[in-house]
Protein backbone atom coordinates (compact mmCIF):
# COMPACT_ATOMS: atom_id res chain seq x y z
CA MET A 1 42.60 45.93 -35.45
CA SER A 2 38.58 47.21 -36.12
CA GLN A 3 38.42 49.50 -33.42
CA ASP A 4 36.75 48.10 -29.27
CA PHE A 5 32.82 47.91 -28.55
CA ASP A 6 30.98 51.68 -28.36
CA LYS A 7 28.93 51.17 -24.92
CA GLU A 8 27.20 53.62 -25.51
CA ALA A 9 26.49 53.73 -29.94
CA TRP A 10 25.67 49.95 -29.14
CA GLU A 11 23.29 51.37 -26.46
CA ARG A 12 21.86 54.07 -28.53
CA GLY A 13 20.68 51.98 -31.78
CA LYS A 14 19.49 49.23 -29.30
CA THR A 15 16.90 52.40 -27.52
CA LEU A 16 16.37 53.67 -31.05
CA PHE A 17 15.31 50.25 -32.75
CA GLN A 18 13.09 49.77 -29.55
CA GLU A 19 11.50 52.99 -29.99
CA ASP A 20 10.61 51.92 -33.55
CA LEU A 21 9.21 48.42 -32.30
CA GLY A 22 6.89 50.15 -29.99
CA GLN A 23 5.42 52.18 -32.74
CA ALA A 24 5.17 48.70 -34.95
CA LYS A 25 3.22 47.33 -32.04
CA GLY A 26 0.14 49.79 -32.44
CA LYS A 27 -0.04 48.61 -36.40
CA GLU A 28 -2.63 46.42 -36.88
CA HIS A 29 -1.47 46.89 -40.72
CA MET A 30 1.14 43.17 -42.14
CA ASP A 31 2.83 45.62 -44.23
CA TYR A 32 4.13 47.74 -41.19
CA PHE A 33 5.95 44.57 -40.41
CA SER A 34 8.66 44.70 -43.13
CA MET A 35 9.55 47.81 -42.01
CA ILE A 36 11.01 46.31 -38.96
CA ASP A 37 12.70 43.69 -40.98
CA PHE A 38 14.30 46.89 -43.11
CA ALA A 39 15.37 48.09 -39.55
CA VAL A 40 16.75 44.96 -38.61
CA ASP A 41 18.77 44.65 -41.91
CA GLY A 42 19.91 48.47 -41.61
CA TYR A 43 20.90 47.14 -37.85
CA ALA A 44 22.81 44.27 -39.36
CA CYS A 45 24.56 45.75 -42.25
CA LEU A 46 26.11 48.50 -39.79
CA SER A 47 27.73 46.74 -36.84
CA ALA A 48 28.58 43.99 -39.39
CA SER A 49 30.20 46.98 -41.15
CA ARG A 50 31.83 48.66 -38.09
CA ILE A 51 33.32 45.59 -36.37
CA TYR A 52 34.47 44.52 -39.93
CA SER A 53 35.68 46.92 -41.86
CA ASP A 54 38.72 45.31 -43.35
CA ASN A 55 37.39 41.85 -43.93
CA PRO A 56 34.61 41.69 -46.48
CA THR A 57 34.02 38.39 -45.55
CA LEU A 58 33.71 37.96 -42.34
CA ARG A 59 31.32 41.45 -42.30
CA ASP A 60 29.07 39.15 -44.84
CA TRP A 61 29.11 35.84 -42.99
CA ALA A 62 28.30 38.71 -39.62
CA PHE A 63 25.25 40.45 -41.32
CA ASN A 64 23.89 37.26 -42.48
CA GLY A 65 24.00 35.93 -39.19
CA TYR A 66 22.25 38.43 -38.01
CA ARG A 67 19.09 38.32 -40.23
CA LEU A 68 18.79 34.82 -39.98
CA MET A 69 18.85 34.37 -35.99
CA TRP A 70 16.29 37.14 -35.99
CA ARG A 71 13.83 35.49 -37.88
CA TRP A 72 14.92 31.80 -36.99
CA HIS A 73 14.29 33.12 -33.42
CA ALA A 74 11.04 34.91 -34.72
CA PRO A 75 7.89 33.26 -33.14
CA GLN A 76 6.14 31.47 -36.22
CA GLY A 77 2.97 34.01 -37.45
CA SER A 78 4.01 36.77 -35.30
CA ARG A 79 4.09 39.05 -38.75
CA ARG A 80 -0.42 38.72 -38.72
CA ARG A 81 -0.64 38.39 -35.25
CA GLY A 82 1.26 41.33 -33.94
CA ALA A 83 4.55 41.84 -32.46
CA HIS A 84 4.19 39.42 -29.76
CA GLY A 85 7.56 38.11 -28.78
CA ARG A 86 9.51 40.80 -30.67
CA GLU A 87 10.87 42.59 -27.35
CA PHE A 88 12.79 39.52 -25.94
CA MET A 89 13.75 38.20 -29.63
CA MET A 90 14.87 42.14 -30.08
CA THR A 91 16.90 42.07 -26.76
CA TYR A 92 18.13 39.18 -27.79
CA TYR A 93 19.16 40.08 -31.43
CA PHE A 94 20.91 43.62 -29.81
CA ASP A 95 22.60 41.48 -26.96
CA VAL A 96 24.25 38.17 -29.19
CA LEU A 97 27.57 38.78 -30.47
CA PRO A 98 27.79 38.33 -34.29
CA LEU A 99 30.07 35.57 -33.80
CA HIS A 100 29.73 33.23 -30.62
CA PRO A 101 31.36 29.73 -31.29
CA ARG A 102 30.99 26.95 -28.31
CA PRO A 103 33.83 26.48 -26.14
CA GLU A 104 35.96 24.28 -27.29
CA TYR A 105 36.89 20.66 -25.34
CA LEU A 106 38.86 21.39 -22.20
CA GLU A 107 39.10 24.75 -23.28
CA SER A 108 39.63 27.65 -20.25
CA LEU A 109 36.99 30.10 -19.66
CA THR A 110 40.18 33.19 -20.29
CA SER A 111 40.84 31.27 -23.92
CA TYR A 112 36.76 31.33 -25.10
CA LEU A 113 37.14 34.89 -23.76
CA MET A 114 39.55 35.86 -25.89
CA ARG A 115 38.62 34.09 -28.86
CA LEU A 116 34.96 35.65 -28.39
CA ALA A 117 36.72 39.32 -28.07
CA GLU A 118 39.15 38.66 -31.00
CA LEU A 119 36.07 37.25 -33.15
CA ASN A 120 34.02 40.37 -32.49
CA GLY A 121 36.88 43.00 -32.73
CA ILE A 122 36.44 43.71 -29.00
CA SER A 123 40.08 44.93 -28.12
CA SER A 124 39.87 45.38 -24.66
CA ILE A 125 39.39 43.71 -21.04
CA ASP A 126 36.42 46.68 -20.05
CA GLY A 127 35.08 46.89 -23.48
CA LEU A 128 34.40 42.61 -23.00
CA SER A 129 32.97 43.08 -19.07
CA ALA A 130 30.65 46.20 -20.17
CA LEU A 131 29.03 43.60 -22.51
CA CYS A 132 29.51 39.89 -20.90
CA PHE A 133 29.67 40.97 -17.50
CA PRO A 134 27.95 44.41 -17.08
CA HIS A 135 26.67 43.67 -13.02
CA GLN A 136 29.91 43.16 -12.05
CA ASP A 137 33.40 44.82 -11.19
CA ARG A 138 35.67 45.67 -13.88
CA ARG A 139 38.27 44.36 -11.79
CA ILE A 140 36.44 41.21 -11.36
CA THR A 141 36.82 40.32 -14.55
CA ARG A 142 40.51 41.56 -15.27
CA ASP A 143 41.74 39.24 -12.79
CA ILE A 144 39.51 36.09 -13.88
CA ALA A 145 41.75 32.83 -13.82
CA ASP A 146 39.21 30.22 -14.63
CA TYR A 147 37.86 29.79 -11.39
CA PRO A 148 33.71 29.78 -11.31
CA PRO A 149 32.70 33.25 -11.70
CA VAL A 150 29.97 34.44 -9.13
CA SER A 151 27.32 34.83 -11.86
CA PHE A 152 28.49 34.19 -15.74
CA GLY A 153 26.17 37.65 -16.16
CA LYS A 154 25.10 37.97 -19.83
CA LEU A 155 27.64 35.87 -21.11
CA THR A 156 25.92 33.00 -21.42
CA ILE A 157 23.22 35.29 -23.93
CA ALA A 158 25.96 37.30 -25.62
CA GLY A 159 27.92 34.02 -26.19
CA ALA A 160 24.51 32.11 -27.28
CA CYS A 161 25.81 29.18 -24.63
CA ASN A 162 23.64 27.80 -21.41
CA GLU A 163 25.79 28.06 -18.65
CA GLU A 164 26.88 24.11 -18.47
CA PRO A 165 29.49 24.08 -20.85
CA LEU A 166 30.02 26.84 -19.40
CA ARG A 167 31.33 25.61 -16.66
CA THR A 168 33.34 23.10 -18.39
CA THR A 169 35.42 26.22 -18.57
CA THR A 170 36.53 26.29 -15.15
CA PHE A 171 37.11 24.21 -12.29
CA PHE A 172 34.05 24.11 -11.38
CA HIS A 173 33.40 20.54 -11.74
CA LEU A 174 36.82 19.52 -9.61
CA ALA A 175 35.45 22.07 -6.19
CA VAL A 176 32.56 19.79 -6.46
CA LYS A 177 33.65 16.34 -7.10
CA PHE A 178 35.65 17.04 -3.47
CA GLY A 179 32.23 19.12 -2.12
CA ARG A 180 34.06 22.22 -1.91
CA SER A 181 31.66 25.23 -2.58
CA PRO A 182 32.39 26.03 -7.00
CA LEU A 183 32.46 29.87 -5.46
CA PRO A 184 35.66 31.73 -7.19
CA GLN A 185 37.54 31.97 -3.52
CA PRO A 186 36.77 28.52 -1.58
CA THR A 187 37.80 26.90 -5.37
CA SER A 188 40.45 29.24 -5.39
CA ARG A 189 41.88 27.90 -2.14
CA PHE A 190 41.28 24.36 -2.07
CA VAL A 191 42.89 24.46 -6.00
CA SER A 192 46.32 25.96 -4.02
CA GLY A 193 49.59 24.78 -5.12
CA CYS A 194 47.70 23.99 -7.91
CA VAL A 195 47.96 25.65 -10.71
CA SER A 196 50.13 28.87 -11.96
CA PRO A 197 49.07 31.46 -12.24
CA TYR A 198 50.53 31.93 -15.84
CA LEU A 199 49.83 30.22 -19.09
CA ARG A 200 51.50 26.97 -19.58
CA TYR A 201 51.25 25.60 -22.73
CA CYS A 202 52.07 22.92 -25.38
CA PRO A 203 53.59 24.99 -29.00
CA VAL A 204 52.71 21.83 -31.30
CA CYS A 205 48.94 21.67 -29.95
CA PHE A 206 48.57 25.40 -31.18
CA ALA A 207 50.33 24.47 -34.56
CA GLU A 208 48.33 21.63 -35.25
CA GLN A 209 45.04 23.46 -33.57
CA ARG A 210 42.06 23.94 -36.27
CA VAL A 211 41.38 27.12 -33.92
CA ARG A 212 43.41 28.45 -31.67
CA TYR A 213 42.53 27.46 -28.14
CA CYS A 214 44.44 26.96 -24.48
CA GLN A 215 43.85 23.55 -22.27
CA LEU A 216 42.23 24.18 -19.32
CA SER A 217 44.79 21.15 -18.07
CA TRP A 218 47.36 22.82 -18.87
CA ARG A 219 47.31 25.32 -15.76
CA PHE A 220 48.39 22.59 -13.48
CA LEU A 221 51.42 22.32 -12.11
CA MET A 222 51.83 18.28 -11.55
CA LEU A 223 51.30 17.86 -15.28
CA THR A 224 54.89 18.50 -17.11
CA CYS A 225 54.48 17.42 -20.28
CA CYS A 226 51.86 17.10 -23.31
CA CYS A 227 50.93 14.00 -23.19
CA LYS A 228 49.81 13.55 -26.63
CA HIS A 229 52.99 15.20 -28.30
CA GLN A 230 55.58 13.84 -25.95
CA CYS A 231 56.90 17.10 -24.61
CA GLN A 232 57.95 19.36 -22.61
CA LEU A 233 54.93 22.30 -21.22
CA LEU A 234 56.45 25.43 -21.75
CA GLU A 235 56.35 28.40 -18.89
CA THR A 236 57.28 31.29 -20.24
CA CYS A 237 57.41 32.86 -24.24
CA GLY A 238 59.96 31.03 -26.20
CA HIS A 239 60.96 34.16 -28.00
CA CYS A 240 60.98 37.06 -24.68
CA ASN A 241 61.49 34.88 -22.63
CA GLU A 242 58.81 36.18 -20.41
CA PHE A 243 55.57 34.66 -18.14
CA ILE A 244 52.10 35.30 -20.27
CA PRO A 245 49.32 36.07 -18.33
CA LEU A 246 45.88 34.53 -18.44
CA PHE A 247 43.41 37.15 -19.93
CA THR A 248 45.16 40.13 -21.17
CA SER A 249 44.84 42.85 -24.41
CA PRO A 250 44.86 42.60 -27.42
CA PHE A 251 43.10 39.60 -27.08
CA LYS A 252 45.27 37.44 -29.28
CA VAL A 253 45.27 33.41 -28.31
CA GLY A 254 48.39 31.62 -29.08
CA ASN A 255 50.63 35.20 -28.92
CA CYS A 256 52.87 35.95 -26.73
CA PRO A 257 51.23 39.46 -25.07
CA ARG A 258 54.51 41.69 -25.09
CA CYS A 259 56.50 40.26 -27.76
CA GLN A 260 53.88 39.34 -30.57
CA GLN A 261 55.70 36.82 -31.34
CA SER A 262 53.45 33.33 -32.29
CA LEU A 263 53.59 30.35 -29.68
CA LYS A 264 53.49 27.75 -31.69
CA LEU A 265 57.00 28.30 -33.42
CA CYS A 266 58.33 28.13 -29.65
CA ILE A 267 60.41 24.87 -29.64
CA ALA A 268 60.11 21.83 -26.46
CA SER A 269 62.41 19.69 -25.37
CA VAL A 270 61.34 15.55 -25.41
CA SER A 271 59.60 13.85 -22.78
CA ASP A 272 61.24 11.29 -21.67
CA ASP A 273 59.61 7.96 -20.57
CA ALA A 274 59.42 7.95 -16.97
CA GLU A 275 58.04 11.76 -17.09
CA LEU A 276 55.56 10.50 -19.53
CA GLU A 277 54.11 7.54 -18.11
CA VAL A 278 53.83 9.75 -14.27
CA ALA A 279 52.33 12.71 -16.91
CA ASN A 280 49.56 10.67 -18.27
CA ARG A 281 48.61 9.34 -15.51
CA ILE A 282 47.93 12.84 -14.15
CA HIS A 283 46.70 13.71 -17.16
CA ASP A 284 43.64 11.12 -16.56
CA ASP A 285 42.66 12.41 -12.96
CA ILE A 286 43.12 15.98 -14.23
CA VAL A 287 40.41 15.41 -17.68
CA PHE A 288 38.60 13.02 -15.26
CA LEU A 289 38.19 16.08 -12.82
CA LEU A 290 37.20 18.64 -15.17
CA THR A 291 34.23 16.67 -16.66
CA PRO A 292 30.89 16.42 -15.39
CA GLN A 293 29.69 13.19 -13.74
CA PRO A 294 25.78 12.57 -12.70
CA TRP A 295 27.04 11.44 -9.18
CA GLU A 296 28.05 14.95 -8.06
CA ALA A 297 24.97 15.58 -6.31
CA ASP A 298 26.38 13.10 -4.27
CA ASN A 299 29.55 13.82 -3.81
CA GLY A 300 29.31 14.28 0.37
CA SER A 301 28.63 10.19 0.71
CA ILE A 302 31.88 9.89 -2.37
CA ILE A 303 34.02 11.53 -0.02
CA ARG A 304 33.42 9.90 3.14
CA ARG A 305 33.92 6.81 1.58
CA ILE A 306 37.09 7.91 -0.48
CA GLY A 307 38.52 8.99 2.65
CA ARG A 308 37.51 5.15 4.07
CA GLN A 309 39.50 4.29 1.00
CA PHE A 310 42.36 6.34 1.59
CA ALA A 311 42.59 5.15 5.54
CA TYR A 312 42.53 1.42 4.09
CA THR A 313 44.86 1.62 1.85
CA ARG A 314 47.46 3.51 4.47
CA GLN A 315 46.57 0.43 6.66
CA MET A 316 47.41 -2.08 4.56
CA LYS A 317 50.40 -0.91 3.80
CA ARG A 318 50.92 -0.99 8.02
CA LEU A 319 51.06 2.78 7.82
CA THR A 320 50.33 4.92 10.30
CA ALA A 321 48.87 8.51 9.80
CA VAL A 322 51.35 10.35 11.41
CA GLU A 323 54.41 8.57 8.87
CA VAL A 324 52.32 9.24 5.73
CA ALA A 325 51.76 12.88 7.11
CA SER A 326 55.15 13.53 7.70
CA LYS A 327 56.34 11.63 4.23
CA ILE A 328 54.29 13.63 2.45
CA GLY A 329 55.25 17.51 4.04
CA VAL A 330 51.64 17.59 5.52
CA THR A 331 50.09 18.15 9.24
CA LEU A 332 48.72 14.80 10.81
CA THR A 333 44.88 16.84 10.58
CA VAL A 334 44.97 17.50 6.99
CA VAL A 335 46.02 13.36 6.71
CA GLU A 336 42.93 12.84 9.42
CA GLY A 337 40.82 14.61 8.17
CA ILE A 338 41.08 13.30 4.32
CA GLU A 339 40.39 9.53 6.15
CA ARG A 340 37.55 11.05 7.56
CA GLY A 341 36.11 12.92 4.98
CA ASN A 342 35.68 15.87 6.04
CA PHE A 343 34.99 17.98 2.99
CA GLN A 344 34.60 21.44 5.25
CA SER A 345 37.47 21.16 6.89
CA ARG A 346 39.85 24.15 4.67
CA GLY A 347 43.26 22.13 5.78
CA ALA A 348 43.00 19.24 2.84
CA THR A 349 43.68 20.89 -0.22
CA LEU A 350 43.60 19.33 -4.30
CA LEU A 351 47.25 18.71 -3.66
CA SER A 352 46.94 17.09 -0.55
CA TYR A 353 44.96 15.06 -2.37
CA PHE A 354 47.60 14.38 -4.83
CA LYS A 355 50.24 13.56 -2.56
CA LEU A 356 48.48 11.37 -0.32
CA ALA A 357 47.34 8.98 -3.33
CA HIS A 358 50.90 9.01 -4.86
CA PHE A 359 52.13 8.23 -1.79
CA LEU A 360 50.03 5.26 -1.86
CA CYS A 361 51.19 3.83 -5.81
CA LEU A 362 47.26 5.46 -6.07
CA SER A 363 45.37 6.94 -9.07
CA LEU A 364 42.25 10.01 -8.15
CA LYS A 365 40.35 8.66 -10.96
CA GLU A 366 40.66 5.14 -9.82
CA VAL A 367 40.20 5.45 -5.89
CA PHE A 368 36.79 7.13 -7.00
CA SER A 369 36.10 4.42 -9.96
CA ASP A 370 36.49 1.82 -7.20
CA VAL A 371 34.95 3.65 -4.88
CA LEU A 372 31.52 4.53 -7.34
CA ASP A 373 31.58 0.30 -9.01
CA ALA A 374 31.80 -0.86 -5.05
CA PRO A 375 31.01 1.54 -2.53
CA ASP A 376 30.79 -0.98 0.28
CA HIS A 377 34.09 -2.94 -0.15
CA VAL A 378 35.83 -0.53 1.98
CA PRO A 379 35.36 -0.88 5.56
CA ALA A 380 33.64 2.01 7.66
CA THR A 381 36.58 1.36 10.66
CA VAL A 382 39.73 -0.57 9.38
CA LEU A 383 40.38 -3.89 11.45
CA PRO A 384 44.03 -4.79 12.44
CA PHE A 385 46.11 -6.87 10.61
CA CYS A 386 46.05 -10.60 11.98
CA PRO A 387 49.71 -11.15 14.00
CA VAL A 388 50.01 -14.73 12.81
CA CYS A 389 49.17 -14.74 9.23
CA GLN A 390 49.01 -11.13 8.78
CA ARG A 391 45.75 -10.69 7.04
CA SER A 392 43.11 -8.17 7.99
CA PHE A 393 39.89 -9.21 5.25
CA TYR A 394 39.32 -12.46 7.81
CA VAL A 395 39.55 -10.55 10.89
CA THR A 396 36.08 -9.84 12.86
CA ARG A 397 35.42 -9.07 16.22
CA GLN A 398 35.21 -10.77 19.41
CA GLY A 399 33.94 -8.71 21.89
CA TYR A 400 35.83 -7.59 24.79
CA ASN A 401 38.42 -8.81 27.75
CA ARG A 402 38.65 -7.46 31.07
CA SER A 403 40.15 -4.61 30.70
CA GLY A 404 37.76 -2.94 28.03
CA SER A 405 40.04 -3.71 25.25
CA GLN A 406 38.54 -4.55 22.05
CA ARG A 407 39.30 -9.11 21.36
CA TYR A 408 39.32 -9.24 17.48
CA GLN A 409 39.45 -13.27 16.06
CA CYS A 410 41.13 -14.14 12.55
CA GLN A 411 39.39 -17.02 10.67
CA HIS A 412 41.94 -17.26 8.31
CA CYS A 413 44.06 -18.86 10.90
CA HIS A 414 41.25 -18.93 14.37
CA ARG A 415 43.63 -16.54 15.92
CA SER A 416 42.71 -14.02 19.18
CA PHE A 417 44.24 -11.34 20.21
CA THR A 418 43.83 -7.52 21.44
CA ALA A 419 45.41 -4.95 18.92
CA SER A 420 45.69 -2.57 22.01
CA PRO A 421 45.83 -3.40 25.35
CA LYS A 422 44.49 -1.86 27.59
CA ALA A 423 46.39 -1.35 31.53
CA ARG A 424 44.98 -3.38 33.79
CA MET A 425 43.88 -1.56 37.23
CA MET A 426 45.42 -3.14 40.20
CA LYS A 427 43.62 -3.80 42.88
CA ARG A 428 45.60 -2.57 45.87
CA LEU A 429 45.56 -5.09 48.93
CA SER A 430 44.25 -3.26 52.53
CA PRO A 431 46.87 -4.65 55.26
């Protein structure tokens, strides 16, 4: 393992290079710009040799990548016009890591940071924090757990990646779909009880991956098995039987940090058909919730229609909100909050939505899709069932009776009825 990131040496080299660049800006002779290229090549050589001292292949790759990056981003004609734009390019040059792969599909943020550090020879969390999150307390970086950070800091520059791909490595889009704040603490409260604080993994996935990484969907406790390989997700190391931290050094994705053994060699038991059927449905829901959707900007309206869909389905099954709350183990306030689309309430968590959907035999993905495809097919106020034909689709309102109760008429059997009659006040007769 090469030496860890040395922030002081890095800043010292950057300062010296800024001084050379400042001198170059004052020169009008074109020949002087060859000295800039020479300094770039010299810095790239030193940096690549320090990071990959024991790997000639990666050393040459990093050296050539640095040089190519400088020339590719340099403004056209800057050698003839002067040093216009060089200061920005110099900052970019020094801050971008030599190797900066993009996040894999549904890769977790903790996995991506560990992979980025491993490729670039950074061996401590503090070193990675100093480079990617310099304005953030290092204790916050140590406790990172795939929640959307307040700011991605300089990670977008160090990894040469904009914020949108980085958001998909967190629970950002899941929180936004339900109208929750994507900040770390509100998101943490919303997914509490749904995600594991430790790494869960499929050893067969690790064995087959070309690039070893951890999937964000593995964090969800209701997903008990890998749908692709039809085996159980493991929650501890198969060698030492210890829980595996999400983010820890030494950075080696796919290895246990305690016993240093490869997790791809662990054995997972095969799942049965019933468990796989449930896992497939849950996996589809999770992937849908984690991936960005164009309608997320209208999340307030969507989540209210989702609530009406749940209320409509519950009444179609002739269940009261009190019965549902008792069956799924939540309070009546939570069920009513979901059905009213009160997304600002702290009571309704993601686990509550999953429990309610499962109890009503619904899929969260299907509920969202139905509402988006036909947003007006669920009435704002659920109508009662006809006492004769037991249908509610043909029921319409028909004024009020003398006690003030709402009257209804079924257009299918033409029966008029009162769903919740009020007691009439009897006038006291005078003697």
